[in-house]
Amino acid sequence: DWTAAGRANFMADNLIAAKRMVPMIIVMPSGHTVPFGGPQTQRDALFERYITEEVIPTVDAKYRVAPGTANRAIMGLSMGGGQALKTGLAHLELFSAVGAFSSANVADFTTRFEKLLADSAGTNAKLKLLWIGCGRQDTAFAGAERLDALLNTHKIRHTFFAMEGYHD
């Protein structure tokens, strides 16, 4: 979807040509780790394990990538946004930037990330960017606003970008 609907490849090429983005490797794995009709309870945990135990080691072994956390980001749209939040914030030793676009709600965010929220200085030192964007007409918007408020309350540095639009 990132290339078909989002045209990420063209955007990246144009931004690189305009010197507004450095060349990078963009990996776009599918977040559907269980069959569509099957139970979804383990989907996000399987995705997290897939990213941390398979995708990152494979990319690091096969490609000439800049080393270190400072050179790795995770982001996603919708279900992928929720997965990016869960995986990225749980692994700040791997990711320095996390992006969530029209993100699925992380219902247990406060308990799941209790330590992250309690240590704003430590969290802010590890994160170069935490970006949350959502359209005002999107059914996910209320959840994005709640997450923005929660992060503000705990002084976690982030960008909340509200725009006109739906779940696209």
Protein backbone atom coordinates (compact mmCIF):
# COMPACT_ATOMS: atom_id res chain seq x y z
CA ASP A 1 0.00 0.00 0.00
CA TRP A 2 2.87 2.40 0.71
CA THR A 3 3.92 2.29 -2.95
CA ALA A 4 0.55 1.68 -4.64
CA ALA A 5 -1.61 4.17 -2.72
CA GLY A 6 0.98 6.25 -0.90
CA ARG A 7 3.55 6.47 -3.70
CA ALA A 8 6.32 6.33 -1.09
CA ASN A 9 8.89 5.38 -3.73
CA PHE A 10 8.16 8.50 -5.82
CA MET A 11 8.01 10.76 -2.78
CA ALA A 12 11.34 9.42 -1.51
CA ASP A 13 12.98 9.81 -4.94
CA ASN A 14 11.70 13.39 -5.27
CA LEU A 15 12.75 14.35 -1.74
CA ILE A 16 16.22 12.87 -2.29
CA ALA A 17 16.54 14.73 -5.61
CA ALA A 18 15.50 17.98 -3.87
CA LYS A 19 18.09 17.30 -1.13
CA ARG A 20 15.31 17.32 1.48
CA MET A 21 15.92 13.68 2.41
CA VAL A 22 19.04 11.56 2.62
CA PRO A 23 19.13 8.31 0.67
CA MET A 24 17.88 5.43 2.78
CA ILE A 25 16.61 1.91 2.69
CA ILE A 26 12.86 1.70 3.22
CA VAL A 27 11.55 -1.72 4.23
CA MET A 28 7.81 -2.33 3.97
CA PRO A 29 6.82 -5.67 5.53
CA SER A 30 3.21 -6.72 5.81
CA GLY A 31 1.70 -6.39 9.27
CA HIS A 32 -0.78 -9.18 8.59
CA THR A 33 1.07 -11.90 10.48
CA VAL A 34 -1.99 -14.14 10.89
CA PRO A 35 -4.66 -15.03 8.31
CA PHE A 36 -7.45 -12.47 7.91
CA GLY A 37 -10.13 -14.84 9.16
CA GLY A 38 -8.03 -16.19 12.02
CA PRO A 39 -7.74 -14.95 15.59
CA GLN A 40 -5.95 -11.62 15.70
CA THR A 41 -4.89 -11.72 19.37
CA GLN A 42 -1.25 -12.57 18.55
CA ARG A 43 -0.93 -10.43 15.41
CA ASP A 44 0.98 -7.54 16.96
CA ALA A 45 3.26 -9.72 19.09
CA LEU A 46 4.13 -11.80 16.02
CA PHE A 47 4.79 -8.60 14.06
CA GLU A 48 7.08 -7.28 16.80
CA ARG A 49 9.04 -10.54 16.85
CA TYR A 50 9.18 -10.60 13.03
CA ILE A 51 10.60 -7.06 12.88
CA THR A 52 13.09 -7.42 15.74
CA GLU A 53 14.26 -11.00 15.15
CA GLU A 54 14.01 -11.37 11.37
CA VAL A 55 13.65 -8.14 9.40
CA ILE A 56 16.26 -6.00 11.17
CA PRO A 57 18.93 -8.74 11.34
CA THR A 58 18.34 -9.64 7.67
CA VAL A 59 18.54 -6.02 6.48
CA ASP A 60 21.64 -5.38 8.60
CA ALA A 61 23.33 -8.54 7.22
CA LYS A 62 22.44 -8.10 3.55
CA TYR A 63 22.60 -4.34 2.98
CA ARG A 64 25.08 -1.56 3.65
CA VAL A 65 23.11 0.32 6.28
CA ALA A 66 24.21 3.05 8.64
CA PRO A 67 24.63 1.37 12.02
CA GLY A 68 22.89 2.22 15.26
CA THR A 69 19.57 3.24 16.66
CA ALA A 70 19.96 6.81 15.43
CA ASN A 71 19.62 5.50 11.88
CA ARG A 72 16.48 3.41 12.27
CA ALA A 73 12.81 4.41 12.32
CA ILE A 74 9.51 2.56 12.35
CA MET A 75 6.20 3.89 11.14
CA GLY A 76 2.87 2.65 9.92
CA LEU A 77 -0.64 3.48 8.83
CA SER A 78 -3.80 2.29 10.57
CA MET A 79 -3.13 -1.19 12.00
CA GLY A 80 0.51 -0.60 11.06
CA GLY A 81 0.49 2.65 13.03
CA GLY A 82 -0.55 0.78 16.14
CA GLN A 83 2.11 -1.84 15.43
CA ALA A 84 4.72 0.88 14.93
CA LEU A 85 3.83 2.47 18.27
CA LYS A 86 3.87 -0.87 20.10
CA THR A 87 7.07 -2.14 18.51
CA GLY A 88 8.97 1.14 18.29
CA LEU A 89 8.26 2.37 21.80
CA ALA A 90 8.95 -1.08 23.26
CA HIS A 91 12.33 -1.12 21.52
CA LEU A 92 13.93 2.29 21.90
CA GLU A 93 17.24 0.42 21.82
CA LEU A 94 16.45 -0.24 18.13
CA PHE A 95 14.45 2.81 16.98
CA SER A 96 15.02 6.54 17.45
CA ALA A 97 11.98 7.60 15.46
CA VAL A 98 8.41 6.31 15.59
CA GLY A 99 5.58 7.45 13.33
CA ALA A 100 1.89 6.63 13.53
CA PHE A 101 -0.45 7.67 10.70
CA SER A 102 -4.19 7.31 11.37
CA SER A 103 -3.08 4.82 13.95
CA ALA A 104 -5.04 2.01 15.48
CA ASN A 105 -5.66 2.75 19.14
CA VAL A 106 -3.26 1.19 21.66
CA ALA A 107 -5.90 0.57 24.32
CA ASP A 108 -3.42 -0.38 27.05
CA PHE A 109 -0.89 2.37 26.26
CA THR A 110 -0.72 3.69 29.85
CA THR A 111 0.07 0.29 31.37
CA ARG A 112 2.09 -1.06 28.44
CA PHE A 113 4.37 1.98 28.47
CA GLU A 114 4.22 2.88 32.16
CA LYS A 115 8.02 3.12 32.49
CA LEU A 116 8.37 5.13 29.31
CA LEU A 117 5.74 7.63 30.54
CA ALA A 118 7.25 7.82 34.04
CA ASP A 119 10.73 8.68 32.71
CA SER A 120 10.11 11.54 30.30
CA ALA A 121 13.75 12.69 30.39
CA GLY A 122 15.02 9.23 29.54
CA THR A 123 12.38 8.69 26.87
CA ASN A 124 12.99 12.09 25.29
CA ALA A 125 16.75 11.44 25.23
CA LYS A 126 16.20 8.23 23.25
CA LEU A 127 13.57 9.48 20.78
CA LYS A 128 14.58 11.83 17.98
CA LEU A 129 11.00 11.89 16.75
CA LEU A 130 7.62 10.61 17.84
CA TRP A 131 5.13 11.69 15.18
CA ILE A 132 1.38 11.13 15.30
CA GLY A 133 -0.81 12.30 12.42
CA CYS A 134 -4.50 11.83 11.81
CA GLY A 135 -7.32 13.36 9.83
CA ARG A 136 -10.07 15.07 11.80
CA GLN A 137 -12.75 13.08 9.97
CA ASP A 138 -11.01 9.75 10.66
CA THR A 139 -12.69 7.47 13.20
CA ALA A 140 -9.20 7.09 14.73
CA PHE A 141 -8.95 10.83 15.46
CA ALA A 142 -10.36 10.70 19.00
CA GLY A 143 -7.76 8.06 19.91
CA ALA A 144 -4.98 10.17 18.40
CA GLU A 145 -6.14 13.17 20.43
CA ARG A 146 -6.18 11.07 23.62
CA LEU A 147 -2.66 9.85 22.92
CA ASP A 148 -1.51 13.44 22.30
CA ALA A 149 -3.01 14.54 25.62
CA LEU A 150 -1.46 11.60 27.48
CA LEU A 151 1.98 12.31 26.02
CA ASN A 152 1.62 16.02 26.87
CA THR A 153 0.65 15.17 30.45
CA HIS A 154 3.77 13.04 30.82
CA LYS A 155 5.97 15.58 28.99
CA ILE A 156 6.94 13.13 26.25
CA ARG A 157 8.19 15.20 23.31
CA HIS A 158 6.20 14.44 20.18
CA THR A 159 4.50 16.00 17.20
CA PHE A 160 0.75 15.69 16.80
CA PHE A 161 -0.35 16.68 13.32
CA ALA A 162 -4.11 17.04 12.88
CA MET A 163 -5.30 17.64 9.34
CA GLU A 164 -8.48 17.52 7.36
CA GLY A 165 -9.21 14.07 6.01
CA TYR A 166 -10.33 10.55 6.60
CA HIS A 167 -8.52 7.24 7.06
CA ASP A 168 -6.27 7.72 4.06
